[in-house]
C-alpha atoms as a PDB file:
ATOM      1  CA  UNK A   1      63.424 -22.341 -59.679  1.00  0.00           C
ATOM      2  CA  UNK A   2      60.077 -22.506 -61.337  1.00  0.00           C
ATOM      3  CA  UNK A   3      59.933 -23.285 -65.242  1.00  0.00           C
ATOM      4  CA  UNK A   4      57.283 -23.086 -67.815  1.00  0.00           C
ATOM      5  CA  UNK A   5      56.966 -23.912 -71.443  1.00  0.00           C
ATOM      6  CA  UNK A   6      54.055 -23.902 -73.783  1.00  0.00           C
ATOM      7  CA  UNK A   7      54.020 -24.392 -77.856  1.00  0.00           C
ATOM      8  CA  UNK A   8      50.820 -24.548 -79.915  1.00  0.00           C
ATOM      9  CA  UNK A   9      50.961 -26.771 -82.653  1.00  0.00           C
ATOM     10  CA  UNK A  10      48.762 -25.821 -85.781  1.00  0.00           C
ATOM     11  CA  UNK A  11      48.577 -28.588 -88.712  1.00  0.00           C
ATOM     12  CA  UNK A  12      47.533 -27.028 -92.124  1.00  0.00           C
ATOM     13  CA  UNK A  13      45.775 -30.766 -93.438  1.00  0.00           C
ATOM     14  CA  UNK A  14      45.380 -32.690 -90.020  1.00  0.00           C
ATOM     15  CA  UNK A  15      43.507 -30.360 -87.824  1.00  0.00           C
ATOM     16  CA  UNK A  16      42.468 -33.021 -85.276  1.00  0.00           C
ATOM     17  CA  UNK A  17      46.262 -32.938 -84.406  1.00  0.00           C
ATOM     18  CA  UNK A  18      46.102 -29.221 -83.165  1.00  0.00           C
ATOM     19  CA  UNK A  19      47.068 -29.152 -80.015  1.00  0.00           C
ATOM     20  CA  UNK A  20      48.878 -27.336 -77.006  1.00  0.00           C
ATOM     21  CA  UNK A  21      51.959 -29.057 -75.519  1.00  0.00           C
ATOM     22  CA  UNK A  22      53.477 -27.626 -72.269  1.00  0.00           C
ATOM     23  CA  UNK A  23      56.187 -28.283 -69.551  1.00  0.00           C
ATOM     24  CA  UNK A  24      55.954 -27.197 -66.171  1.00  0.00           C
ATOM     25  CA  UNK A  25      58.022 -27.858 -63.167  1.00  0.00           C
ATOM     26  CA  UNK A  26      59.652 -26.686 -59.980  1.00  0.00           C
ATOM     27  CA  UNK A  27      63.186 -27.555 -58.417  1.00  0.00           C
ATOM     28  CA  UNK A  28      64.417 -26.855 -55.007  1.00  0.00           C
ATOM     29  CA  UNK A  29      68.152 -26.767 -54.672  1.00  0.00           C
ATOM     30  CA  UNK A  30      69.593 -27.198 -51.351  1.00  0.00           C
ATOM     31  CA  UNK A  31      72.860 -27.439 -49.824  1.00  0.00           C
ATOM     32  CA  UNK A  32      74.254 -28.384 -46.536  1.00  0.00           C
ATOM     33  CA  UNK A  33      77.810 -26.900 -45.690  1.00  0.00           C
ATOM     34  CA  UNK A  34      80.225 -27.044 -48.987  1.00  0.00           C
ATOM     35  CA  UNK A  35      80.028 -30.799 -49.156  1.00  0.00           C
ATOM     36  CA  UNK A  36      76.422 -32.066 -49.467  1.00  0.00           C
ATOM     37  CA  UNK A  37      74.087 -30.884 -52.254  1.00  0.00           C
ATOM     38  CA  UNK A  38      71.124 -31.864 -54.115  1.00  0.00           C
ATOM     39  CA  UNK A  39      67.787 -31.035 -56.043  1.00  0.00           C
ATOM     40  CA  UNK A  40      64.123 -32.019 -55.315  1.00  0.00           C
ATOM     41  CA  UNK A  41      61.855 -31.487 -57.940  1.00  0.00           C
ATOM     42  CA  UNK A  42      58.556 -32.242 -60.198  1.00  0.00           C
ATOM     43  CA  UNK A  43      57.661 -31.804 -63.574  1.00  0.00           C
ATOM     44  CA  UNK A  44      54.614 -32.446 -65.680  1.00  0.00           C
ATOM     45  CA  UNK A  45      54.649 -32.339 -69.526  1.00  0.00           C
ATOM     46  CA  UNK A  46      51.883 -32.750 -72.017  1.00  0.00           C
ATOM     47  CA  UNK A  47      51.830 -33.229 -76.068  1.00  0.00           C
ATOM     48  CA  UNK A  48      51.268 -35.565 -78.816  1.00  0.00           C
ATOM     49  CA  UNK A  49      53.050 -39.166 -78.701  1.00  0.00           C
ATOM     50  CA  UNK A  50      55.547 -39.332 -81.682  1.00  0.00           C
ATOM     51  CA  UNK A  51      53.871 -39.817 -85.050  1.00  0.00           C
ATOM     52  CA  UNK A  52      56.350 -41.980 -86.209  1.00  0.00           C
ATOM     53  CA  UNK A  53      54.790 -44.807 -83.760  1.00  0.00           C
ATOM     54  CA  UNK A  54      51.572 -45.548 -85.622  1.00  0.00           C
ATOM     55  CA  UNK A  55      52.670 -43.698 -88.983  1.00  0.00           C
ATOM     56  CA  UNK A  56      49.128 -42.311 -89.698  1.00  0.00           C
ATOM     57  CA  UNK A  57      47.496 -38.885 -88.604  1.00  0.00           C
ATOM     58  CA  UNK A  58      45.711 -39.873 -85.574  1.00  0.00           C
ATOM     59  CA  UNK A  59      45.956 -38.115 -81.985  1.00  0.00           C
ATOM     60  CA  UNK A  60      47.298 -39.602 -79.223  1.00  0.00           C
ATOM     61  CA  UNK A  61      47.957 -37.481 -76.024  1.00  0.00           C
ATOM     62  CA  UNK A  62      50.564 -38.030 -73.577  1.00  0.00           C
ATOM     63  CA  UNK A  63      50.867 -36.582 -70.238  1.00  0.00           C
ATOM     64  CA  UNK A  64      53.562 -37.708 -67.821  1.00  0.00           C
ATOM     65  CA  UNK A  65      54.547 -36.502 -64.262  1.00  0.00           C
ATOM     66  CA  UNK A  66      58.127 -36.771 -63.207  1.00  0.00           C
ATOM     67  CA  UNK A  67      59.085 -36.670 -59.337  1.00  0.00           C
ATOM     68  CA  UNK A  68      62.979 -36.825 -58.579  1.00  0.00           C
ATOM     69  CA  UNK A  69      65.440 -36.116 -55.778  1.00  0.00           C
ATOM     70  CA  UNK A  70      69.334 -36.358 -55.665  1.00  0.00           C
ATOM     71  CA  UNK A  71      72.096 -35.415 -53.765  1.00  0.00           C
ATOM     72  CA  UNK A  72      75.977 -35.477 -54.282  1.00  0.00           C
ATOM     73  CA  UNK A  73      78.336 -35.655 -51.175  1.00  0.00           C
ATOM     74  CA  UNK A  74      82.159 -34.474 -51.687  1.00  0.00           C
ATOM     75  CA  UNK A  75      84.053 -36.558 -49.414  1.00  0.00           C
ATOM     76  CA  UNK A  76      87.341 -35.552 -50.754  1.00  0.00           C
ATOM     77  CA  UNK A  77      88.424 -32.403 -52.621  1.00  0.00           C
ATOM     78  CA  UNK A  78      88.359 -34.121 -55.921  1.00  0.00           C
ATOM     79  CA  UNK A  79      85.914 -36.811 -55.076  1.00  0.00           C
ATOM     80  CA  UNK A  80      81.958 -36.882 -55.648  1.00  0.00           C
ATOM     81  CA  UNK A  81      79.461 -39.776 -54.079  1.00  0.00           C
ATOM     82  CA  UNK A  82      75.993 -39.265 -55.594  1.00  0.00           C
ATOM     83  CA  UNK A  83      72.597 -40.837 -55.735  1.00  0.00           C
ATOM     84  CA  UNK A  84      69.245 -40.110 -57.021  1.00  0.00           C
ATOM     85  CA  UNK A  85      65.447 -41.415 -57.317  1.00  0.00           C
ATOM     86  CA  UNK A  86      62.937 -40.750 -59.456  1.00  0.00           C
ATOM     87  CA  UNK A  87      59.429 -41.821 -60.444  1.00  0.00           C
ATOM     88  CA  UNK A  88      57.720 -41.404 -63.613  1.00  0.00           C
ATOM     89  CA  UNK A  89      53.655 -42.028 -64.490  1.00  0.00           C
ATOM     90  CA  UNK A  90      52.516 -41.597 -68.079  1.00  0.00           C
ATOM     91  CA  UNK A  91      48.952 -41.689 -69.632  1.00  0.00           C
ATOM     92  CA  UNK A  92      48.421 -42.028 -72.970  1.00  0.00           C
ATOM     93  CA  UNK A  93      44.701 -41.292 -74.182  1.00  0.00           C
ATOM     94  CA  UNK A  94      43.415 -41.133 -78.054  1.00  0.00           C
ATOM     95  CA  UNK A  95      43.232 -42.933 -81.078  1.00  0.00           C
ATOM     96  CA  UNK A  96      44.684 -46.021 -79.690  1.00  0.00           C
ATOM     97  CA  UNK A  97      43.993 -47.805 -76.749  1.00  0.00           C
ATOM     98  CA  UNK A  98      44.752 -45.853 -73.593  1.00  0.00           C
ATOM     99  CA  UNK A  99      47.830 -46.625 -71.748  1.00  0.00           C
ATOM    100  CA  UNK A 100      49.427 -45.956 -68.342  1.00  0.00           C
ATOM    101  CA  UNK A 101      52.884 -46.894 -67.722  1.00  0.00           C
ATOM    102  CA  UNK A 102      55.103 -46.369 -64.492  1.00  0.00           C
ATOM    103  CA  UNK A 103      59.157 -46.424 -63.848  1.00  0.00           C
ATOM    104  CA  UNK A 104      60.775 -46.123 -60.861  1.00  0.00           C
ATOM    105  CA  UNK A 105      64.621 -45.446 -60.955  1.00  0.00           C
ATOM    106  CA  UNK A 106      67.533 -45.498 -58.585  1.00  0.00           C
ATOM    107  CA  UNK A 107      71.129 -44.390 -59.535  1.00  0.00           C
ATOM    108  CA  UNK A 108      74.413 -44.241 -57.444  1.00  0.00           C
ATOM    109  CA  UNK A 109      77.625 -42.742 -59.046  1.00  0.00           C
ATOM    110  CA  UNK A 110      81.499 -42.039 -58.198  1.00  0.00           C
ATOM    111  CA  UNK A 111      83.160 -39.043 -59.729  1.00  0.00           C
ATOM    112  CA  UNK A 112      86.648 -37.526 -59.773  1.00  0.00           C
ATOM    113  CA  UNK A 113      85.740 -33.863 -60.427  1.00  0.00           C
ATOM    114  CA  UNK A 114      88.378 -31.092 -61.158  1.00  0.00           C
ATOM    115  CA  UNK A 115      88.567 -27.936 -60.157  1.00  0.00           C
ATOM    116  CA  UNK A 116      86.869 -26.802 -63.449  1.00  0.00           C
ATOM    117  CA  UNK A 117      83.965 -28.922 -62.899  1.00  0.00           C
ATOM    118  CA  UNK A 118      85.211 -31.519 -65.300  1.00  0.00           C
ATOM    119  CA  UNK A 119      84.288 -35.080 -64.058  1.00  0.00           C
ATOM    120  CA  UNK A 120      84.786 -38.678 -65.064  1.00  0.00           C
ATOM    121  CA  UNK A 121      83.174 -41.367 -63.243  1.00  0.00           C
ATOM    122  CA  UNK A 122      81.115 -44.577 -63.006  1.00  0.00           C
ATOM    123  CA  UNK A 123      77.378 -45.121 -62.756  1.00  0.00           C
ATOM    124  CA  UNK A 124      75.021 -47.560 -61.748  1.00  0.00           C
ATOM    125  CA  UNK A 125      71.155 -47.491 -62.368  1.00  0.00           C
ATOM    126  CA  UNK A 126      68.376 -49.763 -61.470  1.00  0.00           C
ATOM    127  CA  UNK A 127      64.962 -49.325 -63.130  1.00  0.00           C
ATOM    128  CA  UNK A 128      61.566 -51.287 -62.649  1.00  0.00           C
ATOM    129  CA  UNK A 129      58.797 -50.413 -65.084  1.00  0.00           C
ATOM    130  CA  UNK A 130      55.351 -51.560 -65.985  1.00  0.00           C
ATOM    131  CA  UNK A 131      52.700 -50.945 -68.776  1.00  0.00           C
ATOM    132  CA  UNK A 132      49.796 -52.643 -69.821  1.00  0.00           C
ATOM    133  CA  UNK A 133      49.897 -55.146 -72.667  1.00  0.00           C
ATOM    134  CA  UNK A 134      48.064 -54.954 -75.941  1.00  0.00           C
ATOM    135  CA  UNK A 135      44.814 -56.562 -76.622  1.00  0.00           C
ATOM    136  CA  UNK A 136      46.602 -58.228 -79.888  1.00  0.00           C
ATOM    137  CA  UNK A 137      49.271 -59.924 -77.386  1.00  0.00           C
ATOM    138  CA  UNK A 138      47.010 -60.752 -74.496  1.00  0.00           C
ATOM    139  CA  UNK A 139      43.318 -60.813 -75.100  1.00  0.00           C
ATOM    140  CA  UNK A 140      42.293 -61.776 -71.574  1.00  0.00           C
ATOM    141  CA  UNK A 141      44.146 -58.888 -70.100  1.00  0.00           C
ATOM    142  CA  UNK A 142      46.337 -60.644 -67.670  1.00  0.00           C
ATOM    143  CA  UNK A 143      49.623 -60.343 -68.437  1.00  0.00           C
ATOM    144  CA  UNK A 144      51.784 -57.056 -67.375  1.00  0.00           C
ATOM    145  CA  UNK A 145      54.688 -55.756 -69.261  1.00  0.00           C
ATOM    146  CA  UNK A 146      56.795 -55.297 -65.963  1.00  0.00           C
ATOM    147  CA  UNK A 147      60.443 -55.257 -66.534  1.00  0.00           C
ATOM    148  CA  UNK A 148      63.766 -54.988 -64.343  1.00  0.00           C
ATOM    149  CA  UNK A 149      66.732 -52.864 -65.965  1.00  0.00           C
ATOM    150  CA  UNK A 150      70.369 -52.527 -64.775  1.00  0.00           C
ATOM    151  CA  UNK A 151      73.002 -50.405 -66.264  1.00  0.00           C
ATOM    152  CA  UNK A 152      76.570 -49.846 -65.281  1.00  0.00           C
ATOM    153  CA  UNK A 153      78.129 -47.062 -67.221  1.00  0.00           C
ATOM    154  CA  UNK A 154      81.393 -44.827 -67.430  1.00  0.00           C
ATOM    155  CA  UNK A 155      80.389 -40.863 -67.608  1.00  0.00           C
ATOM    156  CA  UNK A 156      82.124 -37.959 -68.385  1.00  0.00           C
ATOM    157  CA  UNK A 157      81.397 -34.162 -68.306  1.00  0.00           C
ATOM    158  CA  UNK A 158      83.726 -31.796 -69.845  1.00  0.00           C
ATOM    159  CA  UNK A 159      83.207 -27.955 -69.790  1.00  0.00           C
ATOM    160  CA  UNK A 160      84.439 -26.638 -72.902  1.00  0.00           C
ATOM    161  CA  UNK A 161      83.892 -23.229 -71.920  1.00  0.00           C
ATOM    162  CA  UNK A 162      81.389 -20.847 -69.843  1.00  0.00           C
ATOM    163  CA  UNK A 163      78.435 -21.999 -71.783  1.00  0.00           C
ATOM    164  CA  UNK A 164      79.327 -25.179 -73.578  1.00  0.00           C
ATOM    165  CA  UNK A 165      79.598 -28.565 -71.843  1.00  0.00           C
ATOM    166  CA  UNK A 166      80.186 -31.920 -73.271  1.00  0.00           C
ATOM    167  CA  UNK A 167      78.374 -35.016 -71.689  1.00  0.00           C
ATOM    168  CA  UNK A 168      78.684 -38.584 -72.561  1.00  0.00           C
ATOM    169  CA  UNK A 169      78.293 -41.999 -71.437  1.00  0.00           C
ATOM    170  CA  UNK A 170      79.238 -45.690 -72.448  1.00  0.00           C
ATOM    171  CA  UNK A 171      77.716 -48.439 -70.672  1.00  0.00           C
ATOM    172  CA  UNK A 172      76.125 -52.028 -70.638  1.00  0.00           C
ATOM    173  CA  UNK A 173      72.236 -52.222 -70.275  1.00  0.00           C
ATOM    174  CA  UNK A 174      70.419 -55.682 -69.142  1.00  0.00           C
ATOM    175  CA  UNK A 175      66.465 -55.696 -69.163  1.00  0.00           C
ATOM    176  CA  UNK A 176      64.632 -58.676 -68.061  1.00  0.00           C
ATOM    177  CA  UNK A 177      60.612 -59.211 -68.398  1.00  0.00           C
ATOM    178  CA  UNK A 178      58.749 -60.763 -65.688  1.00  0.00           C
ATOM    179  CA  UNK A 179      55.663 -62.239 -67.661  1.00  0.00           C
ATOM    180  CA  UNK A 180      55.884 -60.813 -71.147  1.00  0.00           C
ATOM    181  CA  UNK A 181      57.199 -63.367 -73.671  1.00  0.00           C
ATOM    182  CA  UNK A 182      59.845 -61.486 -75.585  1.00  0.00           C
ATOM    183  CA  UNK A 183      63.152 -61.416 -75.881  1.00  0.00           C
ATOM    184  CA  UNK A 184      65.215 -59.862 -72.821  1.00  0.00           C
ATOM    185  CA  UNK A 185      67.623 -57.145 -73.736  1.00  0.00           C
ATOM    186  CA  UNK A 186      71.325 -57.133 -72.909  1.00  0.00           C
ATOM    187  CA  UNK A 187      73.522 -54.535 -74.598  1.00  0.00           C
ATOM    188  CA  UNK A 188      76.161 -52.155 -74.468  1.00  0.00           C
END
């Protein structure tokens, strides 16, 4: 599957913010027999950072690349084991200091799936990320903003009809920073 989307933004007052945002990507859906299937894909997106971050009409272009692969194995009629890997690289250029950040993500889940495609299960996710620290916090540029995040969540997918699906999750996330002197994150 291929997909592409483009949107042109034309501001009346702040012409320096005019830009073309886009998303392009490709997915390869694969299946081996009736019980093993998955997706391998790549996506690239470009646009402006959220203006609420700096609360000023300054241009910050963000380009991100995402590569991912996932698989699901039905080991019993109503049980599915799934896993996935993804990596993201994002670059920000513009009015503020240029930033490049990276994340890698691994997910494993176990679901009970009904014949109608409704599912309830548990999911474990581990993420590692890194981004540079601003000069205000570290003028020497020696610190990195590396973090390690773990999440355990209950997940639910309920098909309300042929074209309407409800998906929800409730979990607990713990994020710990390696070098940056900030408070670690621990929330449900």
